[in-house]
Amino acid sequence: MIPRYQTVLFFVLLAASVIMGAVLWQLRDRAEQRRLQAQASTPTRAPQVAPAVQATLLVANDADDSMAERILSLPLPPSAGARARAILGKLLDLYAAPGAAHPVQGGASAITQVFLMPVSAGEAAVAGPRGKTSAGANEAKNGPEMAVVNLTGAFAASHPSGIETESLTVLSICATLHANLPQVTEVRFLVDGQERETLAGHADLTRTYLTSEAEPAVVGAQP
């Protein structure tokens, strides 16, 4: 037979447990209400979305070694270098799409960065992706500029080999840059931040390309 004091103690402990559970539940409920009230009182900010801007892409076609203008409305950042990268990324996305007239794998991720430098500082432009120039020098405000396009090694390694297809890729990039940033008169290419002799065995990447050479009418005649 259970002693009377143990029975009383059991019911006292049971009552204390019930009371503490109720108190904890009430405290939790109040905390949840305060959290919901704080969320409701916090002003909701709309996500910042870059405004859509018309961009002109010079899209290559392997069938006749030509380039054709394609005008798209794209959300572009205000920074000239970032804008150039976004536009070229869209161009390479078109090349990576199924059924592309100029099929090249890689898409937008093939371009790690685009640097803009004054033409008079051409030697500094080559050093830019290696971190030897200040960020403020990457975007000249006046006069002609050189664009330094930094491609990934994976893009170069997977690019189809051939003088025509490599030239079309290079020249379509140059023409697209000039169409959207008329101040860009020269273009240099790096691969993984380093100078590379060719894109995939043919197109010379050690030279400086003039955007005037990238006009659609002369694409088929490029060496």
N, C-alpha and C. Protein backbone atom coordinates (compact mmCIF):
# COMPACT_ATOMS: atom_id res chain seq x y z
N MET A 1 0.85 -1.19 0.00
CA MET A 1 0.00 0.00 0.00
C MET A 1 0.89 1.25 0.00
N ILE A 2 0.55 2.22 -0.90
CA ILE A 2 1.35 3.44 -1.05
C ILE A 2 1.06 4.37 0.12
N PRO A 3 2.12 4.84 0.74
CA PRO A 3 1.93 5.76 1.87
C PRO A 3 1.20 7.02 1.40
N ARG A 4 0.46 7.59 2.33
CA ARG A 4 -0.36 8.77 2.00
C ARG A 4 0.49 9.95 1.57
N TYR A 5 1.68 10.13 2.19
CA TYR A 5 2.49 11.31 1.86
C TYR A 5 3.03 11.22 0.44
N GLN A 6 3.29 9.96 -0.02
CA GLN A 6 3.78 9.80 -1.38
C GLN A 6 2.68 10.12 -2.40
N THR A 7 1.45 9.75 -2.05
CA THR A 7 0.33 10.07 -2.94
C THR A 7 0.14 11.58 -3.04
N VAL A 8 0.21 12.23 -1.89
CA VAL A 8 0.05 13.70 -1.89
C VAL A 8 1.18 14.35 -2.69
N LEU A 9 2.42 13.85 -2.48
CA LEU A 9 3.56 14.41 -3.19
C LEU A 9 3.42 14.23 -4.70
N PHE A 10 2.92 13.05 -5.10
CA PHE A 10 2.73 12.78 -6.54
C PHE A 10 1.77 13.80 -7.16
N PHE A 11 0.63 14.02 -6.49
CA PHE A 11 -0.35 14.95 -7.05
C PHE A 11 0.16 16.40 -7.03
N VAL A 12 0.96 16.73 -6.02
CA VAL A 12 1.54 18.07 -5.99
C VAL A 12 2.48 18.28 -7.17
N LEU A 13 3.35 17.26 -7.41
CA LEU A 13 4.27 17.35 -8.55
C LEU A 13 3.53 17.37 -9.88
N LEU A 14 2.48 16.59 -9.97
CA LEU A 14 1.69 16.55 -11.21
C LEU A 14 1.05 17.91 -11.47
N ALA A 15 0.50 18.51 -10.43
CA ALA A 15 -0.12 19.82 -10.58
C ALA A 15 0.92 20.87 -10.98
N ALA A 16 2.11 20.78 -10.37
CA ALA A 16 3.17 21.75 -10.70
C ALA A 16 3.59 21.61 -12.16
N SER A 17 3.66 20.35 -12.65
CA SER A 17 4.04 20.12 -14.05
C SER A 17 3.01 20.69 -15.00
N VAL A 18 1.74 20.49 -14.68
CA VAL A 18 0.67 21.02 -15.54
C VAL A 18 0.71 22.54 -15.57
N ILE A 19 0.91 23.14 -14.39
CA ILE A 19 0.96 24.60 -14.32
C ILE A 19 2.15 25.15 -15.11
N MET A 20 3.33 24.53 -14.97
CA MET A 20 4.51 24.99 -15.69
C MET A 20 4.34 24.82 -17.20
N GLY A 21 3.72 23.70 -17.62
CA GLY A 21 3.46 23.49 -19.04
C GLY A 21 2.56 24.58 -19.60
N ALA A 22 1.52 24.93 -18.84
CA ALA A 22 0.60 25.97 -19.29
C ALA A 22 1.31 27.31 -19.40
N VAL A 23 2.18 27.61 -18.40
CA VAL A 23 2.92 28.88 -18.42
C VAL A 23 3.85 28.94 -19.63
N LEU A 24 4.59 27.83 -19.88
CA LEU A 24 5.50 27.79 -21.02
C LEU A 24 4.75 27.95 -22.34
N TRP A 25 3.61 27.30 -22.44
CA TRP A 25 2.80 27.40 -23.66
C TRP A 25 2.35 28.85 -23.88
N GLN A 26 1.95 29.51 -22.80
CA GLN A 26 1.51 30.89 -22.91
C GLN A 26 2.66 31.81 -23.31
N LEU A 27 3.84 31.57 -22.72
CA LEU A 27 5.01 32.38 -23.08
C LEU A 27 5.38 32.18 -24.55
N ARG A 28 5.30 30.94 -25.01
CA ARG A 28 5.60 30.65 -26.42
C ARG A 28 4.61 31.34 -27.34
N ASP A 29 3.36 31.31 -26.96
CA ASP A 29 2.31 31.94 -27.76
C ASP A 29 2.54 33.46 -27.84
N ARG A 30 2.92 34.06 -26.72
CA ARG A 30 3.17 35.50 -26.72
C ARG A 30 4.38 35.85 -27.60
N ALA A 31 5.42 35.03 -27.51
CA ALA A 31 6.61 35.27 -28.33
C ALA A 31 6.28 35.18 -29.81
N GLU A 32 5.46 34.21 -30.19
CA GLU A 32 5.06 34.07 -31.59
C GLU A 32 4.24 35.26 -32.05
N GLN A 33 3.37 35.76 -31.19
CA GLN A 33 2.57 36.94 -31.54
C GLN A 33 3.46 38.17 -31.72
N ARG A 34 4.46 38.33 -30.86
CA ARG A 34 5.37 39.46 -31.01
C ARG A 34 6.16 39.37 -32.31
N ARG A 35 6.56 38.15 -32.68
CA ARG A 35 7.30 37.98 -33.93
C ARG A 35 6.44 38.34 -35.14
N LEU A 36 5.19 37.89 -35.13
CA LEU A 36 4.28 38.20 -36.24
C LEU A 36 3.99 39.69 -36.31
N GLN A 37 3.85 40.33 -35.15
CA GLN A 37 3.61 41.77 -35.14
C GLN A 37 4.82 42.54 -35.69
N ALA A 38 6.02 42.06 -35.33
CA ALA A 38 7.23 42.72 -35.83
C ALA A 38 7.34 42.58 -37.34
N GLN A 39 7.00 41.40 -37.88
CA GLN A 39 7.03 41.21 -39.33
C GLN A 39 6.01 42.10 -40.02
N ALA A 40 4.84 42.21 -39.41
CA ALA A 40 3.79 43.02 -40.03
C ALA A 40 4.14 44.49 -40.04
N SER A 41 4.89 44.95 -39.03
CA SER A 41 5.23 46.36 -38.95
C SER A 41 6.46 46.72 -39.77
N THR A 42 7.22 45.71 -40.24
CA THR A 42 8.42 45.98 -41.04
C THR A 42 8.01 46.31 -42.47
N PRO A 43 8.42 47.47 -43.00
CA PRO A 43 8.04 47.82 -44.37
C PRO A 43 8.64 46.85 -45.37
N THR A 44 7.84 46.45 -46.32
CA THR A 44 8.28 45.52 -47.35
C THR A 44 8.91 46.28 -48.49
N ARG A 45 10.14 45.91 -48.82
CA ARG A 45 10.84 46.56 -49.92
C ARG A 45 10.77 45.69 -51.16
N ALA A 46 10.40 46.30 -52.23
CA ALA A 46 10.37 45.57 -53.49
C ALA A 46 11.79 45.26 -53.92
N PRO A 47 12.03 44.07 -54.44
CA PRO A 47 13.38 43.73 -54.87
C PRO A 47 13.85 44.66 -55.98
N GLN A 48 15.12 45.05 -55.89
CA GLN A 48 15.66 45.94 -56.90
C GLN A 48 15.93 45.17 -58.18
N VAL A 49 15.28 45.58 -59.25
CA VAL A 49 15.42 44.91 -60.54
C VAL A 49 15.98 45.92 -61.53
N ALA A 50 17.01 45.50 -62.25
CA ALA A 50 17.60 46.40 -63.23
C ALA A 50 16.57 46.70 -64.32
N PRO A 51 16.50 47.96 -64.75
CA PRO A 51 15.53 48.30 -65.80
C PRO A 51 15.87 47.62 -67.12
N ALA A 52 14.83 47.28 -67.86
CA ALA A 52 15.02 46.65 -69.17
C ALA A 52 15.49 47.70 -70.17
N VAL A 53 16.53 47.35 -70.91
CA VAL A 53 17.11 48.25 -71.89
C VAL A 53 17.28 47.48 -73.19
N GLN A 54 17.10 48.16 -74.31
CA GLN A 54 17.30 47.51 -75.60
C GLN A 54 18.79 47.27 -75.83
N ALA A 55 19.12 46.05 -76.20
CA ALA A 55 20.51 45.68 -76.50
C ALA A 55 20.55 45.08 -77.91
N THR A 56 21.61 45.41 -78.64
CA THR A 56 21.78 44.90 -79.99
C THR A 56 22.84 43.81 -79.99
N LEU A 57 22.45 42.61 -80.38
CA LEU A 57 23.38 41.50 -80.47
C LEU A 57 23.70 41.22 -81.93
N LEU A 58 24.96 41.01 -82.22
CA LEU A 58 25.37 40.59 -83.56
C LEU A 58 25.57 39.09 -83.51
N VAL A 59 24.58 38.35 -84.01
CA VAL A 59 24.53 36.90 -83.85
C VAL A 59 25.11 36.22 -85.08
N ALA A 60 26.08 35.35 -84.86
CA ALA A 60 26.77 34.67 -85.95
C ALA A 60 25.94 33.52 -86.51
N ASN A 61 26.19 33.25 -87.79
CA ASN A 61 25.52 32.15 -88.49
C ASN A 61 26.57 31.37 -89.27
N ASP A 62 26.75 30.09 -88.92
CA ASP A 62 27.77 29.27 -89.57
C ASP A 62 27.42 28.94 -91.02
N ALA A 63 26.14 29.01 -91.37
CA ALA A 63 25.71 28.60 -92.70
C ALA A 63 26.35 29.45 -93.79
N ASP A 64 26.48 30.76 -93.54
CA ASP A 64 27.05 31.65 -94.55
C ASP A 64 28.12 32.58 -93.97
N ASP A 65 28.66 32.22 -92.81
CA ASP A 65 29.70 33.02 -92.16
C ASP A 65 29.29 34.49 -92.03
N SER A 66 28.06 34.71 -91.60
CA SER A 66 27.55 36.07 -91.49
C SER A 66 27.16 36.38 -90.05
N MET A 67 26.82 37.64 -89.81
CA MET A 67 26.27 38.06 -88.54
C MET A 67 25.02 38.88 -88.82
N ALA A 68 24.02 38.69 -87.99
CA ALA A 68 22.77 39.43 -88.14
C ALA A 68 22.42 40.11 -86.84
N GLU A 69 21.88 41.31 -86.94
CA GLU A 69 21.46 42.04 -85.74
C GLU A 69 20.24 41.39 -85.12
N ARG A 70 20.25 41.32 -83.80
CA ARG A 70 19.08 40.86 -83.05
C ARG A 70 18.92 41.80 -81.86
N ILE A 71 17.81 42.48 -81.80
CA ILE A 71 17.56 43.46 -80.75
C ILE A 71 16.67 42.83 -79.68
N LEU A 72 17.16 42.84 -78.45
CA LEU A 72 16.43 42.26 -77.32
C LEU A 72 16.31 43.30 -76.21
N SER A 73 15.30 43.13 -75.38
CA SER A 73 15.12 43.97 -74.20
C SER A 73 15.65 43.18 -73.01
N LEU A 74 16.72 43.69 -72.39
CA LEU A 74 17.39 42.97 -71.32
C LEU A 74 17.50 43.83 -70.06
N PRO A 75 17.39 43.23 -68.88
CA PRO A 75 17.66 43.98 -67.64
C PRO A 75 19.16 44.13 -67.48
N LEU A 76 19.65 45.36 -67.58
CA LEU A 76 21.09 45.60 -67.58
C LEU A 76 21.50 46.48 -66.41
N PRO A 77 22.61 46.17 -65.77
CA PRO A 77 23.12 46.98 -64.66
C PRO A 77 23.67 48.30 -65.19
N PRO A 78 23.79 49.31 -64.32
CA PRO A 78 24.28 50.62 -64.78
C PRO A 78 25.77 50.65 -65.10
N SER A 79 26.56 49.82 -64.43
CA SER A 79 28.00 49.81 -64.66
C SER A 79 28.31 49.33 -66.08
N ALA A 80 29.16 50.08 -66.79
CA ALA A 80 29.45 49.75 -68.19
C ALA A 80 30.08 48.37 -68.33
N GLY A 81 31.03 48.04 -67.44
CA GLY A 81 31.67 46.74 -67.52
C GLY A 81 30.69 45.61 -67.25
N ALA A 82 29.86 45.77 -66.21
CA ALA A 82 28.87 44.75 -65.90
C ALA A 82 27.82 44.64 -67.01
N ARG A 83 27.48 45.78 -67.61
CA ARG A 83 26.52 45.79 -68.71
C ARG A 83 27.09 45.01 -69.90
N ALA A 84 28.35 45.26 -70.21
CA ALA A 84 28.99 44.55 -71.33
C ALA A 84 29.00 43.04 -71.08
N ARG A 85 29.31 42.65 -69.84
CA ARG A 85 29.34 41.22 -69.52
C ARG A 85 27.96 40.60 -69.66
N ALA A 86 26.92 41.32 -69.21
CA ALA A 86 25.55 40.78 -69.31
C ALA A 86 25.13 40.63 -70.76
N ILE A 87 25.47 41.59 -71.60
CA ILE A 87 25.08 41.52 -73.00
C ILE A 87 25.82 40.39 -73.71
N LEU A 88 27.11 40.27 -73.47
CA LEU A 88 27.87 39.18 -74.08
C LEU A 88 27.41 37.82 -73.54
N GLY A 89 27.01 37.80 -72.27
CA GLY A 89 26.47 36.56 -71.71
C GLY A 89 25.22 36.11 -72.44
N LYS A 90 24.35 37.07 -72.78
CA LYS A 90 23.15 36.73 -73.54
C LYS A 90 23.50 36.23 -74.92
N LEU A 91 24.51 36.85 -75.55
CA LEU A 91 24.96 36.39 -76.87
C LEU A 91 25.42 34.94 -76.81
N LEU A 92 26.22 34.61 -75.80
CA LEU A 92 26.73 33.24 -75.69
C LEU A 92 25.62 32.28 -75.26
N ASP A 93 24.61 32.78 -74.55
CA ASP A 93 23.45 31.93 -74.24
C ASP A 93 22.74 31.52 -75.53
N LEU A 94 22.65 32.44 -76.50
CA LEU A 94 22.03 32.12 -77.78
C LEU A 94 22.84 31.04 -78.52
N TYR A 95 24.16 31.14 -78.42
CA TYR A 95 25.01 30.14 -79.08
C TYR A 95 24.91 28.76 -78.41
N ALA A 96 24.63 28.76 -77.12
CA ALA A 96 24.54 27.49 -76.39
C ALA A 96 23.15 26.87 -76.46
N ALA A 97 22.18 27.59 -77.03
CA ALA A 97 20.80 27.09 -77.10
C ALA A 97 20.68 26.00 -78.16
N PRO A 98 19.77 25.04 -77.97
CA PRO A 98 19.56 23.99 -78.98
C PRO A 98 19.18 24.61 -80.32
N GLY A 99 19.76 24.07 -81.38
CA GLY A 99 19.44 24.54 -82.71
C GLY A 99 20.07 25.85 -83.08
N ALA A 100 21.08 26.30 -82.34
CA ALA A 100 21.73 27.58 -82.63
C ALA A 100 22.40 27.53 -84.00
N ALA A 101 22.36 28.68 -84.70
CA ALA A 101 23.00 28.77 -86.01
C ALA A 101 24.53 28.78 -85.89
N HIS A 102 25.01 29.08 -84.69
CA HIS A 102 26.46 29.07 -84.41
C HIS A 102 26.64 28.37 -83.06
N PRO A 103 26.58 27.04 -83.08
CA PRO A 103 26.58 26.30 -81.80
C PRO A 103 27.93 26.32 -81.09
N VAL A 104 27.92 26.89 -79.89
CA VAL A 104 29.10 26.93 -79.04
C VAL A 104 28.63 26.75 -77.61
N GLN A 105 29.23 25.83 -76.90
CA GLN A 105 28.82 25.56 -75.53
C GLN A 105 29.44 26.56 -74.55
N GLY A 106 28.79 26.74 -73.43
CA GLY A 106 29.33 27.58 -72.37
C GLY A 106 28.34 28.58 -71.83
N GLY A 107 27.66 29.31 -72.73
CA GLY A 107 26.68 30.28 -72.30
C GLY A 107 27.30 31.43 -71.53
N ALA A 108 26.45 32.12 -70.76
CA ALA A 108 26.88 33.32 -70.05
C ALA A 108 28.02 33.07 -69.07
N SER A 109 28.09 31.87 -68.52
CA SER A 109 29.14 31.57 -67.54
C SER A 109 30.52 31.52 -68.18
N ALA A 110 30.60 31.55 -69.51
CA ALA A 110 31.89 31.50 -70.19
C ALA A 110 32.66 32.81 -70.05
N ILE A 111 31.98 33.89 -69.67
CA ILE A 111 32.63 35.18 -69.51
C ILE A 111 32.70 35.52 -68.03
N THR A 112 33.90 35.61 -67.50
CA THR A 112 34.03 35.90 -66.07
C THR A 112 33.98 37.40 -65.79
N GLN A 113 34.47 38.21 -66.74
CA GLN A 113 34.46 39.65 -66.52
C GLN A 113 34.83 40.38 -67.80
N VAL A 114 34.37 41.63 -67.89
CA VAL A 114 34.76 42.52 -69.00
C VAL A 114 35.32 43.78 -68.38
N PHE A 115 36.54 44.12 -68.73
CA PHE A 115 37.19 45.32 -68.23
C PHE A 115 37.22 46.37 -69.34
N LEU A 116 36.97 47.62 -68.98
CA LEU A 116 37.03 48.72 -69.94
C LEU A 116 38.17 49.65 -69.54
N MET A 117 39.03 49.95 -70.50
CA MET A 117 40.20 50.78 -70.25
C MET A 117 40.34 51.83 -71.35
N PRO A 118 40.91 52.99 -71.02
CA PRO A 118 41.21 53.96 -72.07
C PRO A 118 42.16 53.33 -73.09
N VAL A 119 41.98 53.63 -74.34
CA VAL A 119 42.84 53.07 -75.38
C VAL A 119 44.29 53.45 -75.14
N SER A 120 44.54 54.63 -74.62
CA SER A 120 45.90 55.07 -74.35
C SER A 120 46.59 54.23 -73.28
N ALA A 121 45.78 53.49 -72.51
CA ALA A 121 46.33 52.62 -71.45
C ALA A 121 46.17 51.17 -71.84
N GLY A 122 46.45 50.88 -73.10
CA GLY A 122 46.26 49.51 -73.59
C GLY A 122 47.07 48.48 -72.84
N GLU A 123 48.32 48.85 -72.50
CA GLU A 123 49.14 47.89 -71.77
C GLU A 123 48.55 47.61 -70.39
N ALA A 124 47.94 48.64 -69.76
CA ALA A 124 47.33 48.45 -68.44
C ALA A 124 46.11 47.57 -68.54
N ALA A 125 45.44 47.57 -69.70
CA ALA A 125 44.24 46.76 -69.85
C ALA A 125 44.55 45.29 -69.74
N VAL A 126 45.72 44.90 -70.29
CA VAL A 126 46.08 43.49 -70.21
C VAL A 126 46.32 43.08 -68.77
N ALA A 127 46.84 44.00 -67.97
CA ALA A 127 47.11 43.68 -66.57
C ALA A 127 45.87 43.72 -65.72
N GLY A 128 44.80 44.36 -66.18
CA GLY A 128 43.62 44.55 -65.36
C GLY A 128 43.07 43.32 -64.71
N PRO A 129 42.77 42.22 -65.47
CA PRO A 129 42.20 41.04 -64.85
C PRO A 129 43.12 40.37 -63.86
N ARG A 130 44.41 40.73 -63.89
CA ARG A 130 45.32 40.14 -62.90
C ARG A 130 45.35 40.96 -61.62
N GLY A 131 44.51 42.02 -61.55
CA GLY A 131 44.39 42.78 -60.33
C GLY A 131 45.45 43.85 -60.16
N LYS A 132 46.14 44.27 -61.27
CA LYS A 132 47.20 45.26 -61.15
C LYS A 132 46.71 46.68 -61.41
N THR A 133 45.41 46.86 -61.62
CA THR A 133 44.88 48.18 -61.84
C THR A 133 43.73 48.41 -60.88
N SER A 134 43.46 49.67 -60.60
CA SER A 134 42.39 49.99 -59.67
C SER A 134 41.04 49.85 -60.32
N ALA A 135 39.99 49.63 -59.53
CA ALA A 135 38.64 49.48 -60.06
C ALA A 135 38.19 50.75 -60.76
N GLY A 136 38.63 51.90 -60.27
CA GLY A 136 38.21 53.15 -60.87
C GLY A 136 38.71 53.31 -62.29
N ALA A 137 39.81 52.62 -62.65
CA ALA A 137 40.35 52.74 -64.00
C ALA A 137 39.66 51.83 -64.96
N ASN A 138 38.78 50.97 -64.47
CA ASN A 138 38.13 49.99 -65.34
C ASN A 138 37.08 50.61 -66.23
N GLU A 139 36.63 51.80 -65.92
CA GLU A 139 35.57 52.40 -66.72
C GLU A 139 35.93 53.85 -67.04
N ALA A 140 36.53 54.05 -68.19
CA ALA A 140 36.85 55.41 -68.59
C ALA A 140 35.58 56.13 -68.97
N LYS A 141 35.54 57.42 -68.63
CA LYS A 141 34.32 58.18 -68.87
C LYS A 141 34.36 58.88 -70.21
N ASN A 142 35.57 59.16 -70.75
CA ASN A 142 35.67 59.91 -71.98
C ASN A 142 36.65 59.23 -72.93
N GLY A 143 36.39 59.43 -74.24
CA GLY A 143 37.32 58.94 -75.24
C GLY A 143 37.13 57.46 -75.54
N PRO A 144 37.86 56.98 -76.57
CA PRO A 144 37.75 55.56 -76.97
C PRO A 144 38.27 54.64 -75.88
N GLU A 145 37.72 53.45 -75.84
CA GLU A 145 38.09 52.48 -74.81
C GLU A 145 38.44 51.14 -75.42
N MET A 146 39.22 50.40 -74.68
CA MET A 146 39.51 49.01 -75.01
C MET A 146 38.73 48.12 -74.04
N ALA A 147 38.08 47.11 -74.56
CA ALA A 147 37.40 46.12 -73.73
C ALA A 147 38.29 44.88 -73.64
N VAL A 148 38.53 44.43 -72.43
CA VAL A 148 39.28 43.19 -72.21
C VAL A 148 38.28 42.15 -71.73
N VAL A 149 38.07 41.15 -72.57
CA VAL A 149 37.07 40.10 -72.29
C VAL A 149 37.80 38.89 -71.73
N ASN A 150 37.46 38.52 -70.51
CA ASN A 150 38.11 37.39 -69.85
C ASN A 150 37.21 36.16 -69.97
N LEU A 151 37.63 35.19 -70.78
CA LEU A 151 36.87 33.96 -71.00
C LEU A 151 37.37 32.86 -70.07
N THR A 152 36.55 31.84 -69.88
CA THR A 152 36.97 30.71 -69.06
C THR A 152 37.73 29.69 -69.89
N GLY A 153 38.61 28.97 -69.23
CA GLY A 153 39.35 27.91 -69.92
C GLY A 153 38.43 26.83 -70.44
N ALA A 154 37.34 26.56 -69.72
CA ALA A 154 36.40 25.52 -70.16
C ALA A 154 35.74 25.92 -71.48
N PHE A 155 35.43 27.22 -71.64
CA PHE A 155 34.83 27.69 -72.89
C PHE A 155 35.80 27.49 -74.04
N ALA A 156 37.06 27.88 -73.85
CA ALA A 156 38.05 27.73 -74.92
C ALA A 156 38.29 26.25 -75.24
N ALA A 157 38.32 25.42 -74.22
CA ALA A 157 38.59 23.99 -74.44
C ALA A 157 37.46 23.30 -75.20
N SER A 158 36.23 23.76 -75.01
CA SER A 158 35.09 23.11 -75.66
C SER A 158 34.67 23.78 -76.96
N HIS A 159 35.32 24.91 -77.30
CA HIS A 159 34.93 25.63 -78.51
C HIS A 159 35.27 24.80 -79.76
N PRO A 160 34.36 24.72 -80.73
CA PRO A 160 34.66 24.00 -81.97
C PRO A 160 35.88 24.61 -82.66
N SER A 161 36.76 23.76 -83.16
CA SER A 161 37.97 24.23 -83.82
C SER A 161 37.72 24.50 -85.28
N GLY A 162 38.28 25.57 -85.78
CA GLY A 162 38.11 25.93 -87.18
C GLY A 162 38.22 27.43 -87.33
N ILE A 163 38.89 27.89 -88.40
CA ILE A 163 39.12 29.31 -88.56
C ILE A 163 37.82 30.08 -88.69
N GLU A 164 36.83 29.53 -89.42
CA GLU A 164 35.58 30.26 -89.61
C GLU A 164 34.80 30.37 -88.32
N THR A 165 34.60 29.24 -87.64
CA THR A 165 33.76 29.27 -86.44
C THR A 165 34.41 30.05 -85.31
N GLU A 166 35.74 29.96 -85.17
CA GLU A 166 36.42 30.73 -84.13
C GLU A 166 36.37 32.23 -84.43
N SER A 167 36.59 32.58 -85.72
CA SER A 167 36.54 34.00 -86.11
C SER A 167 35.16 34.58 -85.88
N LEU A 168 34.12 33.80 -86.17
CA LEU A 168 32.75 34.28 -85.97
C LEU A 168 32.49 34.57 -84.50
N THR A 169 32.96 33.71 -83.63
CA THR A 169 32.77 33.94 -82.19
C THR A 169 33.46 35.23 -81.76
N VAL A 170 34.73 35.37 -82.14
CA VAL A 170 35.50 36.55 -81.75
C VAL A 170 34.89 37.82 -82.32
N LEU A 171 34.57 37.81 -83.62
CA LEU A 171 34.08 39.01 -84.27
C LEU A 171 32.67 39.38 -83.82
N SER A 172 31.85 38.38 -83.51
CA SER A 172 30.50 38.70 -83.03
C SER A 172 30.56 39.33 -81.65
N ILE A 173 31.53 38.91 -80.83
CA ILE A 173 31.73 39.54 -79.52
C ILE A 173 32.17 40.99 -79.70
N CYS A 174 33.13 41.21 -80.60
CA CYS A 174 33.62 42.57 -80.85
C CYS A 174 32.51 43.46 -81.38
N ALA A 175 31.75 42.96 -82.35
CA ALA A 175 30.68 43.76 -82.96
C ALA A 175 29.58 44.06 -81.96
N THR A 176 29.25 43.09 -81.12
CA THR A 176 28.21 43.30 -80.11
C THR A 176 28.65 44.33 -79.08
N LEU A 177 29.90 44.28 -78.68
CA LEU A 177 30.41 45.28 -77.74
C LEU A 177 30.29 46.68 -78.34
N HIS A 178 30.71 46.84 -79.59
CA HIS A 178 30.70 48.17 -80.21
C HIS A 178 29.28 48.66 -80.45
N ALA A 179 28.36 47.74 -80.77
CA ALA A 179 26.97 48.13 -81.03
C ALA A 179 26.31 48.71 -79.78
N ASN A 180 26.72 48.24 -78.61
CA ASN A 180 26.09 48.69 -77.37
C ASN A 180 26.94 49.70 -76.61
N LEU A 181 28.24 49.69 -76.83
CA LEU A 181 29.15 50.64 -76.21
C LEU A 181 30.01 51.22 -77.34
N PRO A 182 29.49 52.22 -78.04
CA PRO A 182 30.19 52.75 -79.21
C PRO A 182 31.60 53.25 -78.91
N GLN A 183 31.87 53.58 -77.64
CA GLN A 183 33.21 54.06 -77.31
C GLN A 183 34.25 52.96 -77.33
N VAL A 184 33.80 51.69 -77.37
CA VAL A 184 34.74 50.57 -77.42
C VAL A 184 35.23 50.42 -78.86
N THR A 185 36.49 50.72 -79.08
CA THR A 185 37.08 50.63 -80.42
C THR A 185 38.08 49.49 -80.55
N GLU A 186 38.50 48.94 -79.42
CA GLU A 186 39.47 47.85 -79.43
C GLU A 186 39.05 46.78 -78.43
N VAL A 187 39.40 45.53 -78.75
CA VAL A 187 39.03 44.41 -77.87
C VAL A 187 40.23 43.48 -77.75
N ARG A 188 40.50 43.07 -76.53
CA ARG A 188 41.50 42.04 -76.26
C ARG A 188 40.83 40.89 -75.54
N PHE A 189 41.40 39.70 -75.69
CA PHE A 189 40.83 38.51 -75.07
C PHE A 189 41.87 37.85 -74.16
N LEU A 190 41.39 37.43 -72.99
CA LEU A 190 42.18 36.62 -72.07
C LEU A 190 41.40 35.35 -71.77
N VAL A 191 42.11 34.33 -71.34
CA VAL A 191 41.47 33.07 -70.94
C VAL A 191 41.94 32.74 -69.53
N ASP A 192 41.00 32.71 -68.61
CA ASP A 192 41.33 32.51 -67.19
C ASP A 192 42.35 33.54 -66.71
N GLY A 193 42.21 34.79 -67.20
CA GLY A 193 43.06 35.87 -66.76
C GLY A 193 44.45 35.87 -67.36
N GLN A 194 44.71 34.98 -68.32
CA GLN A 194 46.02 34.89 -68.92
C GLN A 194 45.92 35.03 -70.44
N GLU A 195 47.01 35.50 -71.05
CA GLU A 195 47.05 35.57 -72.50
C GLU A 195 47.13 34.16 -73.08
N ARG A 196 46.40 33.95 -74.18
CA ARG A 196 46.36 32.63 -74.83
C ARG A 196 46.60 32.85 -76.31
N GLU A 197 47.32 31.95 -76.93
CA GLU A 197 47.68 32.14 -78.34
C GLU A 197 46.47 32.13 -79.26
N THR A 198 45.60 31.14 -79.12
CA THR A 198 44.43 31.03 -79.98
C THR A 198 43.21 30.64 -79.15
N LEU A 199 42.04 30.78 -79.76
CA LEU A 199 40.82 30.37 -79.07
C LEU A 199 40.71 28.86 -79.02
N ALA A 200 40.78 28.22 -80.21
CA ALA A 200 40.72 26.76 -80.26
C ALA A 200 41.65 26.23 -81.34
N GLY A 201 42.76 26.96 -81.55
CA GLY A 201 43.74 26.51 -82.53
C GLY A 201 43.90 27.42 -83.74
N HIS A 202 42.99 28.40 -83.91
CA HIS A 202 43.04 29.22 -85.10
C HIS A 202 42.93 30.72 -84.82
N ALA A 203 41.84 31.18 -84.24
CA ALA A 203 41.63 32.61 -84.01
C ALA A 203 42.69 33.15 -83.06
N ASP A 204 43.45 34.14 -83.51
CA ASP A 204 44.56 34.71 -82.75
C ASP A 204 44.03 35.53 -81.58
N LEU A 205 44.41 35.15 -80.37
CA LEU A 205 44.00 35.90 -79.18
C LEU A 205 45.13 36.75 -78.62
N THR A 206 46.28 36.77 -79.29
CA THR A 206 47.38 37.61 -78.81
C THR A 206 47.29 39.02 -79.39
N ARG A 207 46.45 39.23 -80.37
CA ARG A 207 46.35 40.53 -81.03
C ARG A 207 45.24 41.37 -80.42
N THR A 208 45.26 42.64 -80.75
CA THR A 208 44.18 43.54 -80.39
C THR A 208 43.24 43.65 -81.58
N TYR A 209 41.95 43.39 -81.36
CA TYR A 209 40.96 43.48 -82.42
C TYR A 209 40.36 44.88 -82.46
N LEU A 210 40.25 45.43 -83.64
CA LEU A 210 39.55 46.69 -83.83
C LEU A 210 38.09 46.38 -84.11
N THR A 211 37.20 47.08 -83.42
CA THR A 211 35.77 46.80 -83.63
C THR A 211 35.33 47.14 -85.05
N SER A 212 36.08 48.01 -85.73
CA SER A 212 35.75 48.32 -87.12
C SER A 212 35.95 47.12 -88.03
N GLU A 213 36.75 46.15 -87.59
CA GLU A 213 36.97 44.93 -88.37
C GLU A 213 35.81 43.95 -88.25
N ALA A 214 34.94 44.19 -87.28
CA ALA A 214 33.90 43.21 -86.97
C ALA A 214 32.57 43.53 -87.62
N GLU A 215 32.55 44.38 -88.63
CA GLU A 215 31.30 44.69 -89.30
C GLU A 215 30.81 43.46 -90.05
N PRO A 216 29.50 43.20 -90.03
CA PRO A 216 28.96 41.99 -90.67
C PRO A 216 29.38 41.80 -92.12
N ALA A 217 29.58 42.88 -92.85
CA ALA A 217 29.88 42.77 -94.27
C ALA A 217 31.24 42.13 -94.53
N VAL A 218 32.17 42.19 -93.54
CA VAL A 218 33.51 41.68 -93.79
C VAL A 218 33.80 40.41 -93.01
N VAL A 219 32.80 39.84 -92.34
CA VAL A 219 33.07 38.66 -91.50
C VAL A 219 33.60 37.50 -92.31
N GLY A 220 32.99 37.22 -93.47
CA GLY A 220 33.41 36.08 -94.26
C GLY A 220 34.82 36.20 -94.79
N ALA A 221 35.34 37.42 -94.83
CA ALA A 221 36.67 37.62 -95.39
C ALA A 221 37.75 37.61 -94.35
N GLN A 222 37.39 37.45 -93.08
CA GLN A 222 38.39 37.48 -92.02
C GLN A 222 39.30 36.26 -92.11
N PRO A 223 40.62 36.43 -91.88
CA PRO A 223 41.55 35.29 -91.92
C PRO A 223 41.36 34.35 -90.75
